[in-house]
Protein backbone atom coordinates (compact mmCIF):
# COMPACT_ATOMS: atom_id res chain seq x y z
CA MET A 1 -35.60 82.55 -113.19
CA SER A 2 -39.08 83.56 -114.37
CA LEU A 3 -40.07 87.18 -114.84
CA PRO A 4 -43.22 88.55 -113.19
CA ASP A 5 -46.29 88.87 -115.37
CA THR A 6 -46.48 92.61 -114.72
CA PHE A 7 -43.64 95.06 -114.33
CA ASN A 8 -44.13 98.17 -112.28
CA PRO A 9 -41.50 100.78 -113.15
CA PRO A 10 -39.83 102.41 -110.13
CA ALA A 11 -41.16 105.74 -109.00
CA ARG A 12 -39.47 108.83 -110.38
CA PRO A 13 -36.55 109.74 -108.09
CA ALA A 14 -36.95 112.84 -105.95
CA ILE A 15 -35.22 115.79 -107.63
CA THR A 16 -32.75 117.42 -105.24
CA ARG A 17 -30.35 120.33 -105.40
CA ARG A 18 -27.66 117.98 -106.73
CA HIS A 19 -29.91 117.14 -109.67
CA HIS A 20 -30.54 120.86 -110.30
CA GLN A 21 -26.81 121.52 -110.20
CA ARG A 22 -26.13 118.77 -112.75
CA LEU A 23 -28.87 120.12 -115.02
CA ARG A 24 -27.23 123.55 -114.91
CA GLU A 25 -23.83 122.04 -115.69
CA VAL A 26 -25.17 120.14 -118.70
CA TYR A 27 -27.09 123.19 -119.95
CA ARG A 28 -23.96 125.38 -119.77
CA SER A 29 -21.59 122.80 -121.29
CA ALA A 30 -21.17 120.79 -124.47
CA GLY A 31 -23.10 117.97 -122.79
CA TRP A 32 -20.39 115.35 -122.36
CA PRO A 33 -21.75 112.54 -120.14
CA CYS A 34 -20.31 111.75 -116.71
CA ALA A 35 -21.81 108.22 -116.65
CA ASP A 36 -22.70 108.29 -112.96
CA MET A 37 -25.89 107.39 -111.11
CA LEU A 38 -26.98 111.02 -110.81
CA GLU A 39 -27.02 111.16 -114.58
CA VAL A 40 -28.94 107.88 -114.74
CA GLU A 41 -31.64 109.30 -112.46
CA LEU A 42 -32.00 112.40 -114.63
CA LEU A 43 -32.27 110.25 -117.75
CA ALA A 44 -34.85 108.00 -116.10
CA ALA A 45 -36.86 111.05 -115.01
CA GLY A 46 -36.97 112.31 -118.58
CA LEU A 47 -35.07 115.52 -117.74
CA LEU A 48 -32.05 114.60 -119.89
CA GLU A 49 -31.86 112.85 -123.23
CA ARG A 50 -28.97 111.28 -125.10
CA ARG A 51 -27.91 112.49 -128.53
CA CYS A 52 -25.51 110.72 -130.87
CA SER A 53 -23.49 112.71 -133.38
CA PRO A 54 -22.76 111.45 -136.94
CA GLU A 55 -19.24 110.71 -135.72
CA GLY A 56 -20.61 108.41 -133.02
CA PHE A 57 -20.03 110.69 -130.02
CA GLU A 58 -22.76 110.63 -127.38
CA THR A 59 -23.77 113.86 -125.64
CA LEU A 60 -26.54 114.90 -123.28
CA ARG A 61 -29.17 117.55 -123.75
CA LEU A 62 -31.92 118.89 -121.50
CA THR A 63 -35.43 117.89 -122.52
CA ASP A 64 -38.32 120.36 -122.41
CA ALA A 65 -39.21 118.91 -119.00
CA GLY A 66 -35.62 119.43 -117.85
CA ILE A 67 -35.70 123.07 -118.98
CA GLN A 68 -38.95 123.56 -117.05
CA VAL A 69 -37.53 122.00 -113.86
CA LEU A 70 -34.39 124.13 -114.15
CA ALA A 71 -36.44 127.30 -114.64
CA GLN A 72 -38.60 126.50 -111.60
CA ALA A 73 -35.49 125.86 -109.48
CA HIS A 74 -33.98 129.16 -110.64
CA ALA A 75 -37.15 131.05 -109.78
CA GLY A 76 -37.25 129.49 -106.31
CA ASN A 77 -33.57 130.23 -105.69
CA ARG A 78 -33.99 133.83 -106.85
CA ALA A 79 -36.93 134.39 -104.48
CA ALA A 80 -35.09 132.79 -101.57
CA ARG A 81 -31.88 134.70 -102.27
CA SER A 82 -33.35 138.18 -102.67
CA PRO A 83 -32.16 139.43 -99.22
CA HIS A 84 -28.84 137.71 -99.84
CA GLU A 85 -28.39 139.32 -103.24
CA ALA A 86 -29.31 142.73 -101.84
CA LEU A 87 -26.53 142.43 -99.26
CA VAL A 88 -24.09 141.15 -101.89
CA ALA A 89 -24.83 144.25 -103.96
CA GLN A 90 -24.34 146.47 -100.90
CA VAL A 91 -20.95 144.92 -100.13
CA ALA A 92 -19.80 145.22 -103.75
CA LYS A 93 -20.89 148.87 -103.85
CA THR A 94 -19.08 149.61 -100.57
CA LEU A 95 -15.90 148.03 -101.93
CA GLY A 96 -16.22 150.11 -105.09
CA HIS A 97 -16.44 153.32 -103.05
CA ALA A 98 -13.33 152.14 -101.16
CA GLY A 99 -11.36 152.07 -104.42
CA ARG A 100 -11.57 148.36 -105.18
CA LEU A 101 -12.78 146.40 -108.20
CA ALA A 102 -15.36 143.83 -107.11
CA TRP A 103 -16.83 140.84 -108.95
CA ARG A 104 -19.99 138.98 -107.99
CA GLY A 105 -20.75 135.34 -108.74
CA LEU A 106 -17.32 134.28 -110.02
CA THR A 107 -16.54 130.57 -110.32
CA LEU A 108 -12.86 129.87 -109.73
CA ARG A 109 -10.89 126.62 -109.71
CA VAL A 110 -8.76 125.82 -106.65
CA ALA A 111 -6.52 122.85 -105.79
CA LEU A 112 -7.01 121.60 -102.22
CA PRO A 113 -5.87 118.56 -100.20
CA ARG A 114 -8.10 115.59 -100.89
CA ASP A 115 -8.69 114.95 -97.19
CA LEU A 116 -10.52 118.30 -97.00
CA LEU A 117 -12.82 117.44 -99.87
CA ALA A 118 -14.78 114.53 -98.43
CA GLY A 119 -18.36 114.95 -99.60
CA GLU A 120 -17.48 117.96 -101.78
CA PRO A 121 -17.82 117.98 -105.59
CA VAL A 122 -14.42 117.76 -107.27
CA LEU A 123 -13.24 117.95 -110.87
CA ASP A 124 -11.95 114.71 -112.31
CA ALA A 125 -9.44 114.18 -115.08
CA ALA A 126 -12.13 114.40 -117.75
CA GLN A 127 -13.13 117.88 -116.61
CA VAL A 128 -9.73 119.54 -116.23
CA VAL A 129 -6.55 119.26 -118.26
CA SER A 130 -3.71 117.69 -116.31
CA GLU A 131 -1.13 120.27 -115.25
CA PRO A 132 2.28 119.86 -113.58
CA HIS A 133 1.40 122.43 -110.90
CA PRO A 134 -1.87 123.98 -109.75
CA LEU A 135 -2.65 127.36 -111.29
CA TRP A 136 -3.71 128.50 -107.87
CA PRO A 137 -1.17 127.31 -105.30
CA ALA A 138 -2.40 126.23 -101.91
CA GLU A 139 -1.31 128.08 -98.81
CA PRO A 140 2.36 127.43 -97.91
CA ALA A 141 1.62 125.20 -94.90
CA VAL A 142 -0.80 123.13 -96.93
CA GLU A 143 1.58 122.94 -99.89
CA MET A 144 4.36 121.45 -97.76
CA ALA A 145 2.15 118.82 -96.19
CA HIS A 146 0.48 117.60 -99.39
CA SER A 147 2.07 116.48 -102.64
CA ALA A 148 0.44 117.05 -106.02
CA SER A 149 -1.06 113.55 -105.95
CA ASP A 150 -2.83 114.40 -102.68
CA ARG A 151 -4.65 117.40 -104.18
CA ALA A 152 -7.88 117.62 -106.13
CA TRP A 153 -9.54 120.46 -107.98
CA CYS A 154 -12.73 122.01 -106.69
CA MET A 155 -14.84 124.94 -107.81
CA ALA A 156 -15.17 127.89 -105.43
CA MET A 157 -17.85 130.54 -105.86
CA PRO A 158 -17.23 133.50 -103.53
CA ASP A 159 -20.09 135.96 -103.17
CA VAL A 160 -17.74 138.90 -103.74
CA PHE A 161 -14.12 138.78 -104.96
CA SER A 162 -12.26 142.07 -105.09
CA ILE A 163 -8.84 143.55 -105.79
CA ARG A 164 -7.34 147.00 -105.35
CA ARG A 165 -7.19 149.38 -108.32
CA SER A 166 -3.44 149.16 -108.84
CA SER A 167 -1.02 148.70 -111.71
CA VAL A 168 1.41 146.84 -109.40
CA GLU A 169 0.47 143.18 -109.19
CA ALA A 170 1.89 142.70 -105.69
CA TYR A 171 -0.38 145.50 -104.39
CA LEU A 172 -3.68 144.03 -105.62
CA GLU A 173 -4.59 142.47 -102.25
CA PRO A 174 -7.31 140.00 -103.39
CA VAL A 175 -10.08 139.63 -100.78
CA VAL A 176 -13.13 137.36 -100.53
CA HIS A 177 -16.37 138.42 -98.83
CA GLU A 178 -18.86 135.65 -98.02
CA ILE A 179 -22.36 136.96 -97.33
CA LYS A 180 -24.76 135.31 -94.87
CA VAL A 181 -28.27 136.52 -94.08
CA SER A 182 -29.56 133.31 -92.46
CA ARG A 183 -28.20 131.69 -89.32
CA ALA A 184 -29.02 128.22 -90.65
CA ASP A 185 -27.10 128.97 -93.84
CA LEU A 186 -24.14 130.25 -91.82
CA LEU A 187 -24.01 127.20 -89.54
CA GLY A 188 -24.21 124.89 -92.53
CA ASP A 189 -21.40 126.81 -94.21
CA LEU A 190 -19.15 126.62 -91.14
CA LYS A 191 -19.35 122.81 -91.30
CA ARG A 192 -17.55 122.88 -94.65
CA PRO A 193 -13.83 123.51 -93.96
CA ALA A 194 -13.00 122.91 -97.64
CA LYS A 195 -15.02 125.97 -98.64
CA ARG A 196 -13.10 128.24 -96.24
CA ALA A 197 -9.81 126.67 -97.31
CA ALA A 198 -10.62 127.47 -100.95
CA TYR A 199 -11.42 131.09 -100.10
CA LEU A 200 -8.23 131.45 -98.05
CA ALA A 201 -6.18 129.91 -100.87
CA MET A 202 -7.48 132.37 -103.46
CA ALA A 203 -7.25 135.57 -101.43
CA GLY A 204 -5.10 137.38 -98.91
CA ALA A 205 -8.08 137.73 -96.54
CA CYS A 206 -11.55 136.27 -96.14
CA TRP A 207 -14.47 138.05 -94.47
CA TYR A 208 -17.87 136.78 -93.37
CA VAL A 209 -20.48 139.52 -93.69
CA LEU A 210 -23.39 138.77 -91.34
CA GLY A 211 -26.88 140.14 -91.78
CA ARG A 212 -29.53 140.61 -89.12
CA ASP A 213 -32.64 138.61 -88.26
CA ALA A 214 -36.26 139.82 -88.19
CA LYS A 215 -35.69 141.32 -84.74
CA GLY A 216 -32.65 143.29 -85.86
CA ARG A 217 -30.12 141.05 -84.11
CA PRO A 218 -26.94 139.81 -85.84
CA ILE A 219 -27.43 136.24 -87.02
CA ALA A 220 -24.24 135.22 -85.14
CA GLU A 221 -21.49 136.50 -82.89
CA ALA A 222 -17.98 137.05 -84.18
CA ASP A 223 -16.53 134.26 -82.04
CA GLU A 224 -18.77 131.73 -83.82
CA VAL A 225 -16.81 132.26 -87.03
CA PRO A 226 -13.38 130.55 -87.27
CA ALA A 227 -10.46 132.78 -86.32
CA GLU A 228 -8.88 132.60 -89.79
CA CYS A 229 -11.70 134.76 -91.15
CA GLY A 230 -12.72 138.31 -90.36
CA VAL A 231 -16.28 139.26 -89.44
CA MET A 232 -18.39 142.24 -90.52
CA ILE A 233 -21.93 142.93 -89.31
CA VAL A 234 -24.46 144.93 -91.27
CA SER A 235 -25.70 148.06 -89.54
CA GLY A 236 -28.14 149.85 -91.83
CA HIS A 237 -26.14 150.90 -94.87
CA GLN A 238 -22.84 150.47 -93.07
CA LEU A 239 -20.58 147.46 -92.50
CA GLU A 240 -19.16 147.33 -88.98
CA VAL A 241 -15.96 145.38 -88.40
CA ALA A 242 -16.58 142.96 -85.53
CA ARG A 243 -13.19 141.27 -85.93
CA PRO A 244 -10.40 142.08 -88.38
CA ALA A 245 -9.44 139.44 -90.94
CA PRO A 246 -5.91 138.02 -90.78
CA ARG A 247 -4.00 138.99 -93.91
CA ARG A 248 -1.29 137.30 -95.93
CA ALA A 249 0.67 138.63 -98.88
CA VAL A 250 -0.36 137.50 -102.38
CA GLU A 251 2.45 138.32 -104.80
CA ARG A 252 0.60 137.57 -108.02
CA LEU A 253 -2.68 136.33 -109.45
CA PRO A 254 -2.47 133.29 -111.75
CA LEU A 255 -3.29 133.66 -115.43
CA GLN A 256 -6.40 131.51 -114.93
CA VAL A 257 -7.72 134.10 -112.47
CA TRP A 258 -7.08 136.97 -114.86
CA MET A 259 -8.95 135.08 -117.58
CA SER A 260 -11.93 134.61 -115.26
CA LEU A 261 -11.91 138.29 -114.31
CA ALA A 262 -11.63 139.34 -117.95
CA GLN A 263 -14.70 137.29 -118.89
CA ALA A 264 -16.86 138.70 -116.06
CA ALA A 265 -17.83 142.33 -115.63
CA PRO A 266 -17.00 143.88 -112.27
CA ALA A 267 -19.74 145.46 -110.18
CA GLY A 268 -20.83 148.89 -111.36
CA ARG A 269 -18.60 151.89 -110.87
CA PRO A 270 -19.93 154.30 -108.21
CA ALA A 271 -22.06 157.01 -109.80
CA ASP A 272 -20.02 159.84 -108.26
CA ASP A 273 -16.72 158.51 -109.61
CA ALA A 274 -16.74 160.79 -112.66
CA GLN A 275 -13.05 161.62 -112.22
CA GLY A 276 -12.20 157.99 -112.87
CA TRP A 277 -13.33 158.32 -116.49
CA LEU A 278 -10.79 161.07 -117.22
């Protein structure tokens, strides 16, 4: 088979959110390769480069072009998420005034049934140490129906995760608040049952906090959100409960959760809480 006289290299692949996510993961990690096609596209685009250590281990590192693409993506996300982040801060502050400790932007690992994770990013054996039991058990009904071999690890990133200020572990009442300021974002989120399942597995209750559109109308009605979650609607500086969230008892938080909380600072203490320092 003869080769053509001229070779035209393929056009640079379009850089999507999945590429941005992988760039962030490589930047934050030791750079161990995954050896998948997403990585190949980033290498071909010149956004990643391979490095070989004296011991013969190959790692990945962002190139200057990769750093620039990641910075541009971050700037775009920050501009797009400004209303979202403002509401996240409002919810965290409200929870603080209610006597709870709230964390923003946590990344927590949850084991879920594999049949829920179709199309979702999961952690493979190279990314997580094999364990006899998940650090974060699934809900009882899910646990009975799925053996350990039917579960996979996924990463959940709740907008706000909070617990009560209590020295009794059984009274902590972990709660997740998911913030939505765009109807399109909400509808896309509701099509991902694995995301809700992860939130419900890590907390005793899950709330959707809905913002308002340009005309001051809620972006959705309470009955559009699945019944297993509660609904709050923003009204000025207040959060109105449109539907209470079902609650379940959480006897203890796993050690992995405590480690994540210890490494992340909770949202700021309310300014008028001077008594709490005594």
